[in-house]
Amino acid sequence: MEQPASIPPETKDWTVVLTQGCDQCDYQAPPADQVAERLRATIPRWQAVLARAEAASRPQPQVWSPLEYACHVRDVCAIFGVRTRQMLAQNNPTFLNWDQDATAVQDAYWAQDPAEVARQYAEEATLTAAIFDTVGADDWDRPGTRSNGSLFTVASLLVYFLHDIEHHLADVAG
């Protein structure tokens, strides 16, 4: 499959969803201890999106297809699972930078198999939810810092993470 048109890089600082909500979706932030349950609930929804005949088709040339969004959220699960483990094991770790746009091109999101991505998403979301389940009552305020300087607690990281997963479900009418 030929590489589609480039997508403009994401430049918005989405940490605003923690204080101002999201002006593009209907995200209702749960208490952090409910994120694992909400994440698990996204698995059948993403699987249904990826089962659509048009899952690999872009709605517009510079808008990701449902398949590309699903690849992204699969990778987001893996990244945030690692970050959560770091925060639980280290005092205020700094997270490695992750360029989501470069990853999409490097890993050819547009050419991946929707059924395989559905399986991978279910696996990553399940593993990540299990990590979130290990957060103890005294761990919610443990800090971590993103490479751009944004400071998170375990609780705010999980709520921020879930917004990405659910926001992109809305993007693909999932």
Protein backbone atom coordinates (compact mmCIF):
# COMPACT_ATOMS: atom_id res chain seq x y z
CA MET A 1 0.00 0.00 0.00
CA GLU A 2 1.30 3.42 -0.96
CA GLN A 3 2.02 5.96 1.76
CA PRO A 4 -0.84 8.49 1.95
CA ALA A 5 -0.48 12.26 2.20
CA SER A 6 1.38 13.58 5.20
CA ILE A 7 -0.64 14.63 8.20
CA PRO A 8 0.29 18.00 9.72
CA PRO A 9 2.16 17.39 12.99
CA GLU A 10 0.16 17.69 16.20
CA THR A 11 1.22 20.88 17.99
CA LYS A 12 -1.54 21.38 20.57
CA ASP A 13 -0.60 20.92 24.20
CA TRP A 14 -3.36 18.52 25.21
CA THR A 15 -2.56 18.83 28.93
CA VAL A 16 -5.26 21.54 28.94
CA VAL A 17 -7.84 18.75 29.17
CA LEU A 18 -6.78 18.31 32.80
CA THR A 19 -7.79 21.84 33.77
CA GLN A 20 -10.13 23.09 31.05
CA GLY A 21 -11.68 19.96 29.57
CA CYS A 22 -11.70 19.27 25.85
CA ASP A 23 -13.28 21.71 23.42
CA GLN A 24 -13.48 19.01 20.74
CA CYS A 25 -15.11 16.07 22.48
CA ASP A 26 -17.50 15.17 25.27
CA TYR A 27 -14.84 13.71 27.58
CA GLN A 28 -15.96 13.28 31.14
CA ALA A 29 -12.87 12.69 33.27
CA PRO A 30 -13.39 9.89 35.77
CA PRO A 31 -11.70 9.54 39.13
CA ALA A 32 -8.26 8.09 38.39
CA ASP A 33 -9.09 4.80 40.10
CA GLN A 34 -11.76 4.19 37.43
CA VAL A 35 -9.46 4.65 34.41
CA ALA A 36 -8.53 0.95 34.17
CA GLU A 37 -12.20 -0.03 33.98
CA ARG A 38 -12.95 2.65 31.38
CA LEU A 39 -9.91 1.56 29.36
CA ARG A 40 -11.11 -2.04 29.30
CA ALA A 41 -14.51 -0.81 28.10
CA THR A 42 -12.86 0.70 25.00
CA ILE A 43 -11.60 -2.68 23.75
CA PRO A 44 -14.83 -3.90 22.10
CA ARG A 45 -15.48 -0.41 20.76
CA TRP A 46 -12.08 -0.25 19.02
CA GLN A 47 -12.56 -3.81 17.77
CA ALA A 48 -15.90 -2.82 16.21
CA VAL A 49 -14.29 0.21 14.54
CA LEU A 50 -11.53 -1.96 13.11
CA ALA A 51 -14.04 -4.53 11.82
CA ARG A 52 -15.59 -1.93 9.51
CA ALA A 53 -14.93 -2.40 5.79
CA GLU A 54 -13.66 1.20 5.55
CA ALA A 55 -11.35 1.02 8.59
CA ALA A 56 -8.25 1.72 6.50
CA SER A 57 -9.80 4.58 4.53
CA ARG A 58 -9.10 8.18 5.41
CA PRO A 59 -12.20 10.38 5.60
CA GLN A 60 -10.07 13.24 4.23
CA PRO A 61 -6.52 13.14 2.83
CA GLN A 62 -4.99 14.78 5.91
CA VAL A 63 -7.09 13.02 8.57
CA TRP A 64 -6.05 9.65 9.92
CA SER A 65 -8.14 6.62 9.07
CA PRO A 66 -9.73 4.64 11.90
CA LEU A 67 -6.90 2.13 11.42
CA GLU A 68 -4.25 4.82 11.90
CA TYR A 69 -6.00 6.15 15.00
CA ALA A 70 -6.21 2.60 16.37
CA CYS A 71 -2.48 2.06 15.80
CA HIS A 72 -1.85 5.31 17.65
CA VAL A 73 -3.97 4.40 20.68
CA ARG A 74 -2.42 0.93 20.79
CA ASP A 75 0.98 2.60 21.04
CA VAL A 76 -0.32 5.17 23.55
CA CYS A 77 -1.33 2.26 25.81
CA ALA A 78 2.18 0.83 25.71
CA ILE A 79 3.84 4.22 26.30
CA PHE A 80 1.62 5.14 29.24
CA GLY A 81 1.98 1.71 30.79
CA VAL A 82 5.75 2.26 30.83
CA ARG A 83 5.35 5.78 32.18
CA THR A 84 3.07 4.63 34.98
CA ARG A 85 5.52 1.91 35.98
CA GLN A 86 8.31 4.50 35.99
CA MET A 87 6.31 6.78 38.28
CA LEU A 88 5.59 3.93 40.67
CA ALA A 89 9.23 2.81 40.78
CA GLN A 90 11.15 6.10 40.60
CA ASN A 91 10.92 9.48 42.23
CA ASN A 92 9.79 12.04 39.61
CA PRO A 93 11.11 10.36 36.46
CA THR A 94 11.44 12.33 33.24
CA PHE A 95 9.73 10.54 30.39
CA LEU A 96 11.49 9.99 27.11
CA ASN A 97 10.09 12.05 24.27
CA TRP A 98 7.75 10.20 21.92
CA ASP A 99 7.06 11.65 18.50
CA GLN A 100 3.67 10.22 17.62
CA ASP A 101 3.75 11.63 14.11
CA ALA A 102 7.16 10.13 13.30
CA THR A 103 6.02 6.79 14.74
CA ALA A 104 2.95 6.77 12.49
CA VAL A 105 5.14 7.16 9.41
CA GLN A 106 7.97 4.90 10.60
CA ASP A 107 5.58 2.08 11.50
CA ALA A 108 3.37 2.62 8.41
CA TYR A 109 0.16 2.80 10.41
CA TRP A 110 -1.85 3.07 7.17
CA ALA A 111 -0.60 -0.34 5.96
CA GLN A 112 -1.20 -2.42 9.08
CA ASP A 113 -3.81 -5.17 9.20
CA PRO A 114 -6.96 -3.98 11.01
CA ALA A 115 -7.68 -7.41 12.52
CA GLU A 116 -4.13 -7.65 13.86
CA VAL A 117 -4.30 -4.11 15.24
CA ALA A 118 -7.60 -4.99 16.96
CA ARG A 119 -5.88 -7.95 18.62
CA GLN A 120 -2.84 -5.86 19.56
CA TYR A 121 -4.98 -3.05 20.97
CA ALA A 122 -6.91 -5.50 23.13
CA GLU A 123 -3.63 -6.92 24.42
CA GLU A 124 -1.99 -3.54 25.11
CA ALA A 125 -5.12 -2.06 26.70
CA THR A 126 -5.49 -5.12 28.94
CA LEU A 127 -1.83 -4.98 30.00
CA THR A 128 -2.00 -1.24 30.62
CA ALA A 129 -5.21 -1.52 32.64
CA ALA A 130 -3.52 -4.21 34.76
CA ILE A 131 -0.66 -1.79 35.48
CA PHE A 132 -3.19 0.88 36.47
CA ASP A 133 -4.82 -1.65 38.80
CA THR A 134 -1.55 -1.85 40.78
CA VAL A 135 -1.63 1.81 41.80
CA GLY A 136 -1.96 1.93 45.58
CA ALA A 137 -3.79 4.53 47.62
CA ASP A 138 -0.50 6.25 48.49
CA ASP A 139 0.70 6.33 44.87
CA TRP A 140 -1.79 8.68 43.16
CA ASP A 141 0.25 11.81 43.89
CA ARG A 142 3.61 10.40 42.80
CA PRO A 143 5.13 12.80 40.23
CA GLY A 144 6.58 12.37 36.78
CA THR A 145 7.70 14.93 34.21
CA ARG A 146 7.21 14.88 30.46
CA SER A 147 10.20 15.83 28.32
CA ASN A 148 8.63 19.26 27.61
CA GLY A 149 8.44 19.99 31.35
CA SER A 150 4.77 19.18 31.94
CA LEU A 151 4.40 17.79 35.44
CA PHE A 152 1.98 14.95 36.12
CA THR A 153 0.89 12.90 39.09
CA VAL A 154 -0.04 9.27 38.57
CA ALA A 155 -3.67 10.33 38.86
CA SER A 156 -3.43 13.16 36.32
CA LEU A 157 -1.39 11.00 33.92
CA LEU A 158 -4.08 8.32 33.87
CA VAL A 159 -6.89 10.83 33.34
CA TYR A 160 -4.86 12.55 30.58
CA PHE A 161 -4.16 9.16 28.97
CA LEU A 162 -7.81 8.10 28.97
CA HIS A 163 -8.82 11.30 27.23
CA ASP A 164 -6.59 10.38 24.28
CA ILE A 165 -8.13 6.92 23.97
CA GLU A 166 -11.74 8.10 24.26
CA HIS A 167 -11.22 11.27 22.19
CA HIS A 168 -9.96 9.22 19.27
CA LEU A 169 -12.91 6.84 19.61
CA ALA A 170 -15.10 9.91 19.08
CA ASP A 171 -12.94 10.88 16.09
CA VAL A 172 -13.83 7.56 14.43
CA ALA A 173 -17.45 7.41 15.64
CA GLY A 174 -16.65 4.41 17.81
